PDB file of N, CA and C in Angstrom:
ATOM      1  N   MET A   1     116.562  75.868  69.481  1.00  0.00           N
ATOM      2  CA  MET A   1     115.515  75.035  69.949  1.00  0.00           C
ATOM      3  C   MET A   1     114.294  75.988  70.383  1.00  0.00           C
ATOM      4  N   ILE A   2     113.112  75.550  70.017  1.00  0.00           N
ATOM      5  CA  ILE A   2     111.921  76.347  70.299  1.00  0.00           C
ATOM      6  C   ILE A   2     111.098  75.489  71.254  1.00  0.00           C
ATOM      7  N   ASP A   3     110.543  76.108  72.288  1.00  0.00           N
ATOM      8  CA  ASP A   3     109.727  75.377  73.241  1.00  0.00           C
ATOM      9  C   ASP A   3     108.339  76.000  73.191  1.00  0.00           C
ATOM     10  N   LEU A   4     107.310  75.216  73.227  1.00  0.00           N
ATOM     11  CA  LEU A   4     105.928  75.701  73.276  1.00  0.00           C
ATOM     12  C   LEU A   4     105.670  76.026  74.730  1.00  0.00           C
ATOM     13  N   THR A   5     105.164  77.255  74.929  1.00  0.00           N
ATOM     14  CA  THR A   5     104.924  77.722  76.284  1.00  0.00           C
ATOM     15  C   THR A   5     103.450  77.868  76.596  1.00  0.00           C
ATOM     16  N   SER A   6     102.611  77.753  75.609  1.00  0.00           N
ATOM     17  CA  SER A   6     101.116  77.810  75.903  1.00  0.00           C
ATOM     18  C   SER A   6     100.727  76.519  76.583  1.00  0.00           C
ATOM     19  N   PRO A   7      99.521  76.551  77.214  1.00  0.00           N
ATOM     20  CA  PRO A   7      98.993  75.352  77.904  1.00  0.00           C
ATOM     21  C   PRO A   7      98.936  74.115  76.980  1.00  0.00           C
ATOM     22  N   ALA A   8      99.244  72.969  77.499  1.00  0.00           N
ATOM     23  CA  ALA A   8      99.272  71.724  76.735  1.00  0.00           C
ATOM     24  C   ALA A   8      98.021  71.446  75.888  1.00  0.00           C
ATOM     25  N   GLU A   9      96.902  71.746  76.469  1.00  0.00           N
ATOM     26  CA  GLU A   9      95.632  71.503  75.718  1.00  0.00           C
ATOM     27  C   GLU A   9      95.485  72.244  74.467  1.00  0.00           C
ATOM     28  N   LYS A  10      96.315  73.319  74.290  1.00  0.00           N
ATOM     29  CA  LYS A  10      96.269  74.137  73.016  1.00  0.00           C
ATOM     30  C   LYS A  10      97.107  73.392  71.923  1.00  0.00           C
ATOM     31  N   TRP A  11      98.082  72.553  72.326  1.00  0.00           N
ATOM     32  CA  TRP A  11      99.021  72.014  71.297  1.00  0.00           C
ATOM     33  C   TRP A  11      99.200  70.463  71.368  1.00  0.00           C
ATOM     34  N   GLN A  12      98.571  69.821  72.301  1.00  0.00           N
ATOM     35  CA  GLN A  12      98.824  68.332  72.476  1.00  0.00           C
ATOM     36  C   GLN A  12      98.300  67.475  71.273  1.00  0.00           C
ATOM     37  N   ALA A  13      97.436  68.161  70.449  1.00  0.00           N
ATOM     38  CA  ALA A  13      96.845  67.369  69.259  1.00  0.00           C
ATOM     39  C   ALA A  13      97.789  67.539  68.071  1.00  0.00           C
ATOM     40  N   LEU A  14      98.860  68.329  68.175  1.00  0.00           N
ATOM     41  CA  LEU A  14      99.790  68.418  67.041  1.00  0.00           C
ATOM     42  C   LEU A  14     100.457  67.138  66.815  1.00  0.00           C
ATOM     43  N   GLY A  15     100.624  66.745  65.543  1.00  0.00           N
ATOM     44  CA  GLY A  15     101.298  65.465  65.198  1.00  0.00           C
ATOM     45  C   GLY A  15     102.635  65.776  64.650  1.00  0.00           C
ATOM     46  N   ASP A  16     103.273  64.577  64.160  1.00  0.00           N
ATOM     47  CA  ASP A  16     104.587  64.707  63.570  1.00  0.00           C
ATOM     48  C   ASP A  16     104.558  65.559  62.292  1.00  0.00           C
ATOM     49  N   GLY A  17     105.509  66.398  62.114  1.00  0.00           N
ATOM     50  CA  GLY A  17     105.658  67.161  60.856  1.00  0.00           C
ATOM     51  C   GLY A  17     104.796  68.392  60.756  1.00  0.00           C
ATOM     52  N   TYR A  18     104.255  68.890  61.927  1.00  0.00           N
ATOM     53  CA  TYR A  18     103.447  70.026  61.886  1.00  0.00           C
ATOM     54  C   TYR A  18     104.258  71.270  61.459  1.00  0.00           C
ATOM     55  N   ARG A  19     103.605  72.279  61.035  1.00  0.00           N
ATOM     56  CA  ARG A  19     104.259  73.520  60.600  1.00  0.00           C
ATOM     57  C   ARG A  19     104.118  74.619  61.651  1.00  0.00           C
ATOM     58  N   MET A  20     105.145  75.387  61.854  1.00  0.00           N
ATOM     59  CA  MET A  20     105.125  76.428  62.773  1.00  0.00           C
ATOM     60  C   MET A  20     105.709  77.740  62.130  1.00  0.00           C
ATOM     61  N   ASP A  21     105.033  78.869  62.248  1.00  0.00           N
ATOM     62  CA  ASP A  21     105.518  80.117  61.815  1.00  0.00           C
ATOM     63  C   ASP A  21     106.082  80.836  63.021  1.00  0.00           C
ATOM     64  N   ALA A  22     107.257  81.359  62.951  1.00  0.00           N
ATOM     65  CA  ALA A  22     107.828  82.019  64.097  1.00  0.00           C
ATOM     66  C   ALA A  22     108.384  83.397  63.789  1.00  0.00           C
ATOM     67  N   ARG A  23     108.338  84.303  64.713  1.00  0.00           N
ATOM     68  CA  ARG A  23     109.000  85.593  64.561  1.00  0.00           C
ATOM     69  C   ARG A  23     109.999  85.731  65.680  1.00  0.00           C
ATOM     70  N   ILE A  24     111.238  85.925  65.403  1.00  0.00           N
ATOM     71  CA  ILE A  24     112.282  86.013  66.398  1.00  0.00           C
ATOM     72  C   ILE A  24     112.828  87.399  66.434  1.00  0.00           C
ATOM     73  N   VAL A  25     112.674  88.110  67.517  1.00  0.00           N
ATOM     74  CA  VAL A  25     113.089  89.494  67.747  1.00  0.00           C
ATOM     75  C   VAL A  25     114.564  89.448  68.325  1.00  0.00           C
ATOM     76  N   VAL A  26     115.492  89.924  67.498  1.00  0.00           N
ATOM     77  CA  VAL A  26     116.897  89.950  67.952  1.00  0.00           C
ATOM     78  C   VAL A  26     117.136  91.243  68.746  1.00  0.00           C
ATOM     79  N   THR A  27     116.585  92.374  68.233  1.00  0.00           N
ATOM     80  CA  THR A  27     116.811  93.629  68.862  1.00  0.00           C
ATOM     81  C   THR A  27     115.498  94.461  68.774  1.00  0.00           C
ATOM     82  N   SER A  28     115.230  95.141  69.876  1.00  0.00           N
ATOM     83  CA  SER A  28     114.043  96.007  69.897  1.00  0.00           C
ATOM     84  C   SER A  28     114.504  97.345  70.420  1.00  0.00           C
ATOM     85  N   LEU A  29     114.283  98.359  69.617  1.00  0.00           N
ATOM     86  CA  LEU A  29     114.650  99.738  70.010  1.00  0.00           C
ATOM     87  C   LEU A  29     113.457 100.630  69.895  1.00  0.00           C
ATOM     88  N   ASP A  30     113.296 101.548  70.862  1.00  0.00           N
ATOM     89  CA  ASP A  30     112.280 102.580  70.839  1.00  0.00           C
ATOM     90  C   ASP A  30     112.783 103.737  70.031  1.00  0.00           C
ATOM     91  N   ASP A  31     111.810 104.352  69.269  1.00  0.00           N
ATOM     92  CA  ASP A  31     112.163 105.592  68.565  1.00  0.00           C
ATOM     93  C   ASP A  31     113.393 105.429  67.625  1.00  0.00           C
ATOM     94  N   ALA A  32     113.503 104.274  66.894  1.00  0.00           N
ATOM     95  CA  ALA A  32     114.594 104.062  66.055  1.00  0.00           C
ATOM     96  C   ALA A  32     114.385 104.772  64.704  1.00  0.00           C
ATOM     97  N   VAL A  33     115.393 105.373  64.126  1.00  0.00           N
ATOM     98  CA  VAL A  33     115.342 105.889  62.836  1.00  0.00           C
ATOM     99  C   VAL A  33     115.962 104.860  61.860  1.00  0.00           C
ATOM    100  N   LYS A  34     115.149 104.297  60.973  1.00  0.00           N
ATOM    101  CA  LYS A  34     115.613 103.249  60.047  1.00  0.00           C
ATOM    102  C   LYS A  34     115.660 103.738  58.598  1.00  0.00           C
ATOM    103  N   VAL A  35     116.613 103.195  57.855  1.00  0.00           N
ATOM    104  CA  VAL A  35     116.703 103.492  56.431  1.00  0.00           C
ATOM    105  C   VAL A  35     116.902 102.215  55.701  1.00  0.00           C
ATOM    106  N   PRO A  36     116.411 102.183  54.389  1.00  0.00           N
ATOM    107  CA  PRO A  36     116.802 100.966  53.605  1.00  0.00           C
ATOM    108  C   PRO A  36     118.281 100.972  53.409  1.00  0.00           C
ATOM    109  N   VAL A  37     118.961  99.779  53.439  1.00  0.00           N
ATOM    110  CA  VAL A  37     120.370  99.734  53.133  1.00  0.00           C
ATOM    111  C   VAL A  37     120.718 100.170  51.774  1.00  0.00           C
ATOM    112  N   SER A  38     119.725 100.173  50.818  1.00  0.00           N
ATOM    113  CA  SER A  38     119.949 100.597  49.473  1.00  0.00           C
ATOM    114  C   SER A  38     120.170 102.163  49.395  1.00  0.00           C
ATOM    115  N   ALA A  39     119.902 102.918  50.485  1.00  0.00           N
ATOM    116  CA  ALA A  39     120.120 104.263  50.570  1.00  0.00           C
ATOM    117  C   ALA A  39     121.622 104.577  51.007  1.00  0.00           C
ATOM    118  N   LEU A  40     122.254 103.684  51.642  1.00  0.00           N
ATOM    119  CA  LEU A  40     123.619 103.807  52.166  1.00  0.00           C
ATOM    120  C   LEU A  40     124.673 103.744  51.164  1.00  0.00           C
ATOM    121  N   PHE A  41     125.703 104.519  51.283  1.00  0.00           N
ATOM    122  CA  PHE A  41     126.956 104.428  50.505  1.00  0.00           C
ATOM    123  C   PHE A  41     128.080 104.909  51.332  1.00  0.00           C
ATOM    124  N   ARG A  42     129.258 104.537  50.873  1.00  0.00           N
ATOM    125  CA  ARG A  42     130.493 104.938  51.650  1.00  0.00           C
ATOM    126  C   ARG A  42     130.996 106.301  51.099  1.00  0.00           C
ATOM    127  N   ALA A  43     131.328 107.123  52.046  1.00  0.00           N
ATOM    128  CA  ALA A  43     131.953 108.425  51.710  1.00  0.00           C
ATOM    129  C   ALA A  43     133.284 108.486  52.497  1.00  0.00           C
ATOM    130  N   GLY A  44     134.338 108.164  51.886  1.00  0.00           N
ATOM    131  CA  GLY A  44     135.637 108.016  52.615  1.00  0.00           C
ATOM    132  C   GLY A  44     135.433 106.747  53.447  1.00  0.00           C
ATOM    133  N   GLY A  45     135.733 106.819  54.751  1.00  0.00           N
ATOM    134  CA  GLY A  45     135.583 105.760  55.583  1.00  0.00           C
ATOM    135  C   GLY A  45     134.295 105.708  56.367  1.00  0.00           C
ATOM    136  N   GLU A  46     133.277 106.585  56.001  1.00  0.00           N
ATOM    137  CA  GLU A  46     132.079 106.698  56.801  1.00  0.00           C
ATOM    138  C   GLU A  46     130.872 106.331  55.911  1.00  0.00           C
ATOM    139  N   TRP A  47     129.729 105.994  56.524  1.00  0.00           N
ATOM    140  CA  TRP A  47     128.495 105.824  55.877  1.00  0.00           C
ATOM    141  C   TRP A  47     127.815 107.111  55.610  1.00  0.00           C
ATOM    142  N   ALA A  48     127.045 107.152  54.489  1.00  0.00           N
ATOM    143  CA  ALA A  48     126.405 108.390  54.105  1.00  0.00           C
ATOM    144  C   ALA A  48     125.117 108.054  53.410  1.00  0.00           C
ATOM    145  N   VAL A  49     124.197 109.050  53.349  1.00  0.00           N
ATOM    146  CA  VAL A  49     122.978 108.979  52.556  1.00  0.00           C
ATOM    147  C   VAL A  49     122.784 110.312  51.902  1.00  0.00           C
ATOM    148  N   PHE A  50     121.998 110.313  50.857  1.00  0.00           N
ATOM    149  CA  PHE A  50     121.501 111.568  50.315  1.00  0.00           C
ATOM    150  C   PHE A  50     120.064 111.783  50.818  1.00  0.00           C
ATOM    151  N   THR A  51     119.848 112.960  51.321  1.00  0.00           N
ATOM    152  CA  THR A  51     118.510 113.358  51.718  1.00  0.00           C
ATOM    153  C   THR A  51     117.948 114.244  50.703  1.00  0.00           C
ATOM    154  N   VAL A  52     116.645 114.555  50.787  1.00  0.00           N
ATOM    155  CA  VAL A  52     116.020 115.540  49.888  1.00  0.00           C
ATOM    156  C   VAL A  52     115.675 116.728  50.801  1.00  0.00           C
ATOM    157  N   THR A  53     116.362 117.837  50.606  1.00  0.00           N
ATOM    158  CA  THR A  53     116.184 119.091  51.331  1.00  0.00           C
ATOM    159  C   THR A  53     115.807 120.221  50.389  1.00  0.00           C
ATOM    160  N   GLU A  54     114.635 120.706  50.522  1.00  0.00           N
ATOM    161  CA  GLU A  54     114.213 121.834  49.642  1.00  0.00           C
ATOM    162  C   GLU A  54     114.322 121.503  48.182  1.00  0.00           C
ATOM    163  N   GLY A  55     113.984 120.218  47.857  1.00  0.00           N
ATOM    164  CA  GLY A  55     114.078 119.794  46.442  1.00  0.00           C
ATOM    165  C   GLY A  55     115.472 119.546  45.851  1.00  0.00           C
ATOM    166  N   ARG A  56     116.416 119.440  46.779  1.00  0.00           N
ATOM    167  CA  ARG A  56     117.825 119.208  46.287  1.00  0.00           C
ATOM    168  C   ARG A  56     118.442 118.044  47.104  1.00  0.00           C
ATOM    169  N   ALA A  57     119.345 117.356  46.486  1.00  0.00           N
ATOM    170  CA  ALA A  57     120.073 116.280  47.140  1.00  0.00           C
ATOM    171  C   ALA A  57     121.057 116.848  48.182  1.00  0.00           C
ATOM    172  N   ALA A  58     121.079 116.282  49.349  1.00  0.00           N
ATOM    173  CA  ALA A  58     122.041 116.826  50.372  1.00  0.00           C
ATOM    174  C   ALA A  58     122.688 115.612  50.967  1.00  0.00           C
ATOM    175  N   ARG A  59     124.083 115.529  50.855  1.00  0.00           N
ATOM    176  CA  ARG A  59     124.777 114.399  51.430  1.00  0.00           C
ATOM    177  C   ARG A  59     124.913 114.506  52.934  1.00  0.00           C
ATOM    178  N   ARG A  60     124.611 113.459  53.641  1.00  0.00           N
ATOM    179  CA  ARG A  60     124.729 113.469  55.117  1.00  0.00           C
ATOM    180  C   ARG A  60     125.525 112.215  55.576  1.00  0.00           C
ATOM    181  N   ILE A  61     126.443 112.492  56.383  1.00  0.00           N
ATOM    182  CA  ILE A  61     127.208 111.367  57.040  1.00  0.00           C
ATOM    183  C   ILE A  61     126.283 110.821  58.160  1.00  0.00           C
ATOM    184  N   VAL A  62     126.145 109.558  58.229  1.00  0.00           N
ATOM    185  CA  VAL A  62     125.323 108.902  59.260  1.00  0.00           C
ATOM    186  C   VAL A  62     126.171 107.859  60.097  1.00  0.00           C
ATOM    187  N   HIS A  63     125.767 107.670  61.258  1.00  0.00           N
ATOM    188  CA  HIS A  63     126.344 106.645  62.107  1.00  0.00           C
ATOM    189  C   HIS A  63     125.343 105.567  62.359  1.00  0.00           C
ATOM    190  N   LEU A  64     125.662 104.271  62.199  1.00  0.00           N
ATOM    191  CA  LEU A  64     124.748 103.197  62.260  1.00  0.00           C
ATOM    192  C   LEU A  64     124.881 102.501  63.526  1.00  0.00           C
ATOM    193  N   ALA A  65     123.743 102.231  64.209  1.00  0.00           N
ATOM    194  CA  ALA A  65     123.683 101.463  65.400  1.00  0.00           C
ATOM    195  C   ALA A  65     123.619  99.972  65.106  1.00  0.00           C
ATOM    196  N   ARG A  66     122.871  99.598  64.018  1.00  0.00           N
ATOM    197  CA  ARG A  66     122.641  98.271  63.660  1.00  0.00           C
ATOM    198  C   ARG A  66     122.524  98.255  62.129  1.00  0.00           C
ATOM    199  N   ARG A  67     122.841  97.137  61.461  1.00  0.00           N
ATOM    200  CA  ARG A  67     122.615  96.970  60.031  1.00  0.00           C
ATOM    201  C   ARG A  67     122.198  95.519  59.814  1.00  0.00           C
ATOM    202  N   GLY A  68     121.121  95.417  59.048  1.00  0.00           N
ATOM    203  CA  GLY A  68     120.591  94.064  58.599  1.00  0.00           C
ATOM    204  C   GLY A  68     120.706  93.937  57.145  1.00  0.00           C
ATOM    205  N   GLY A  69     120.097  92.999  56.586  1.00  0.00           N
ATOM    206  CA  GLY A  69     120.102  92.725  55.138  1.00  0.00           C
ATOM    207  C   GLY A  69     119.265  93.800  54.368  1.00  0.00           C
ATOM    208  N   LEU A  70     118.184  94.306  54.955  1.00  0.00           N
ATOM    209  CA  LEU A  70     117.359  95.227  54.267  1.00  0.00           C
ATOM    210  C   LEU A  70     117.279  96.652  54.882  1.00  0.00           C
ATOM    211  N   GLU A  71     117.455  96.732  56.187  1.00  0.00           N
ATOM    212  CA  GLU A  71     117.377  98.085  56.836  1.00  0.00           C
ATOM    213  C   GLU A  71     118.577  98.222  57.771  1.00  0.00           C
ATOM    214  N   ALA A  72     118.812  99.522  58.075  1.00  0.00           N
ATOM    215  CA  ALA A  72     119.802  99.875  58.979  1.00  0.00           C
ATOM    216  C   ALA A  72     119.217 100.834  59.986  1.00  0.00           C
ATOM    217  N   VAL A  73     119.725 100.795  61.213  1.00  0.00           N
ATOM    218  CA  VAL A  73     119.283 101.811  62.285  1.00  0.00           C
ATOM    219  C   VAL A  73     120.297 102.839  62.346  1.00  0.00           C
ATOM    220  N   VAL A  74     119.886 104.106  62.263  1.00  0.00           N
ATOM    221  CA  VAL A  74     120.806 105.269  62.194  1.00  0.00           C
ATOM    222  C   VAL A  74     120.755 105.848  63.625  1.00  0.00           C
ATOM    223  N   SER A  75     121.924 105.935  64.272  1.00  0.00           N
ATOM    224  CA  SER A  75     121.938 106.495  65.634  1.00  0.00           C
ATOM    225  C   SER A  75     122.335 107.975  65.601  1.00  0.00           C
ATOM    226  N   LYS A  76     122.870 108.477  64.506  1.00  0.00           N
ATOM    227  CA  LYS A  76     123.259 109.907  64.367  1.00  0.00           C
ATOM    228  C   LYS A  76     123.328 110.302  62.873  1.00  0.00           C
ATOM    229  N   GLY A  77     122.735 111.470  62.659  1.00  0.00           N
ATOM    230  CA  GLY A  77     122.888 112.005  61.312  1.00  0.00           C
ATOM    231  C   GLY A  77     121.544 112.147  60.563  1.00  0.00           C
ATOM    232  N   LEU A  78     120.467 111.529  61.060  1.00  0.00           N
ATOM    233  CA  LEU A  78     119.179 111.644  60.500  1.00  0.00           C
ATOM    234  C   LEU A  78     118.083 111.784  61.614  1.00  0.00           C
ATOM    235  N   ALA A  79     116.999 112.442  61.199  1.00  0.00           N
ATOM    236  CA  ALA A  79     115.922 112.646  62.168  1.00  0.00           C
ATOM    237  C   ALA A  79     114.694 111.896  61.611  1.00  0.00           C
ATOM    238  N   PRO A  80     113.730 111.522  62.491  1.00  0.00           N
ATOM    239  CA  PRO A  80     112.568 110.907  61.911  1.00  0.00           C
ATOM    240  C   PRO A  80     111.877 111.782  60.904  1.00  0.00           C
ATOM    241  N   GLY A  81     111.418 111.211  59.817  1.00  0.00           N
ATOM    242  CA  GLY A  81     110.773 111.981  58.733  1.00  0.00           C
ATOM    243  C   GLY A  81     111.714 112.463  57.611  1.00  0.00           C
ATOM    244  N   ASP A  82     113.023 112.420  57.883  1.00  0.00           N
ATOM    245  CA  ASP A  82     113.941 112.813  56.843  1.00  0.00           C
ATOM    246  C   ASP A  82     113.700 111.828  55.602  1.00  0.00           C
ATOM    247  N   ARG A  83     113.734 112.377  54.415  1.00  0.00           N
ATOM    248  CA  ARG A  83     113.583 111.580  53.196  1.00  0.00           C
ATOM    249  C   ARG A  83     114.966 111.266  52.627  1.00  0.00           C
ATOM    250  N   VAL A  84     115.168 110.055  52.344  1.00  0.00           N
ATOM    251  CA  VAL A  84     116.411 109.625  51.753  1.00  0.00           C
ATOM    252  C   VAL A  84     116.253 109.093  50.297  1.00  0.00           C
ATOM    253  N   ILE A  85     117.294 109.165  49.530  1.00  0.00           N
ATOM    254  CA  ILE A  85     117.301 108.688  48.155  1.00  0.00           C
ATOM    255  C   ILE A  85     117.814 107.262  48.149  1.00  0.00           C
ATOM    256  N   VAL A  86     116.983 106.335  47.637  1.00  0.00           N
ATOM    257  CA  VAL A  86     117.397 104.947  47.623  1.00  0.00           C
ATOM    258  C   VAL A  86     118.083 104.719  46.183  1.00  0.00           C
ATOM    259  N   TYR A  87     119.069 103.861  46.184  1.00  0.00           N
ATOM    260  CA  TYR A  87     119.865 103.546  44.995  1.00  0.00           C
ATOM    261  C   TYR A  87     120.371 104.829  44.335  1.00  0.00           C
ATOM    262  N   PRO A  88     121.142 105.680  45.109  1.00  0.00           N
ATOM    263  CA  PRO A  88     121.474 106.954  44.551  1.00  0.00           C
ATOM    264  C   PRO A  88     122.388 106.919  43.300  1.00  0.00           C
ATOM    265  N   GLY A  89     123.225 106.002  43.109  1.00  0.00           N
ATOM    266  CA  GLY A  89     123.980 105.900  41.865  1.00  0.00           C
ATOM    267  C   GLY A  89     124.993 107.117  41.789  1.00  0.00           C
ATOM    268  N   ASP A  90     125.807 107.100  40.680  1.00  0.00           N
ATOM    269  CA  ASP A  90     126.829 108.074  40.474  1.00  0.00           C
ATOM    270  C   ASP A  90     126.222 109.407  39.992  1.00  0.00           C
ATOM    271  N   ALA A  91     124.973 109.425  39.467  1.00  0.00           N
ATOM    272  CA  ALA A  91     124.425 110.621  38.936  1.00  0.00           C
ATOM    273  C   ALA A  91     123.983 111.632  39.972  1.00  0.00           C
ATOM    274  N   ILE A  92     123.793 111.139  41.202  1.00  0.00           N
ATOM    275  CA  ILE A  92     123.312 112.057  42.250  1.00  0.00           C
ATOM    276  C   ILE A  92     124.544 112.730  42.912  1.00  0.00           C
ATOM    277  N   LYS A  93     124.481 113.976  42.899  1.00  0.00           N
ATOM    278  CA  LYS A  93     125.488 114.866  43.487  1.00  0.00           C
ATOM    279  C   LYS A  93     124.868 115.809  44.526  1.00  0.00           C
ATOM    280  N   GLU A  94     125.676 116.375  45.356  1.00  0.00           N
ATOM    281  CA  GLU A  94     125.256 117.362  46.373  1.00  0.00           C
ATOM    282  C   GLU A  94     124.716 118.585  45.579  1.00  0.00           C
ATOM    283  N   GLY A  95     123.523 118.998  45.958  1.00  0.00           N
ATOM    284  CA  GLY A  95     122.803 120.172  45.347  1.00  0.00           C
ATOM    285  C   GLY A  95     122.016 119.831  44.150  1.00  0.00           C
ATOM    286  N   LEU A  96     122.087 118.662  43.623  1.00  0.00           N
ATOM    287  CA  LEU A  96     121.325 118.324  42.417  1.00  0.00           C
ATOM    288  C   LEU A  96     119.811 118.444  42.670  1.00  0.00           C
ATOM    289  N   ARG A  97     119.033 119.024  41.774  1.00  0.00           N
ATOM    290  CA  ARG A  97     117.613 119.198  41.959  1.00  0.00           C
ATOM    291  C   ARG A  97     117.015 117.795  41.789  1.00  0.00           C
ATOM    292  N   VAL A  98     116.200 117.384  42.736  1.00  0.00           N
ATOM    293  CA  VAL A  98     115.517 116.083  42.644  1.00  0.00           C
ATOM    294  C   VAL A  98     114.025 116.270  43.005  1.00  0.00           C
ATOM    295  N   SER A  99     113.251 115.281  42.545  1.00  0.00           N
ATOM    296  CA  SER A  99     111.792 115.335  42.913  1.00  0.00           C
ATOM    297  C   SER A  99     111.454 114.056  43.591  1.00  0.00           C
ATOM    298  N   VAL A 100     110.498 114.109  44.477  1.00  0.00           N
ATOM    299  CA  VAL A 100     109.974 112.932  45.212  1.00  0.00           C
ATOM    300  C   VAL A 100     108.931 112.208  44.405  1.00  0.00           C
ATOM    301  N   ARG A 101     109.102 110.917  44.251  1.00  0.00           N
ATOM    302  CA  ARG A 101     108.191 110.108  43.514  1.00  0.00           C
ATOM    303  C   ARG A 101     107.361 109.216  44.482  1.00  0.00           C
TER     304      ARG A 101
END
């Protein structure tokens, strides 16, 4: 249920069937490190990503704080600014030379 909290004079002219756009914030974190879920893969029983370090793919184990449909919040294993490989596929291996597009 959504309740209008602005003064009544701002919304009392609304009629039946009006449209409302809403943004619902479920979690808010300061200084979160986020990655696309398309960068994540399973390595044994843990989550991992491939980062780009000195032009080479480097596998890193990451710990997730939250995971949604498009993004995941990483609590351990990545720093802000780390570049990750999305959709790594089977061709990406540790130490493989890669370039950033």
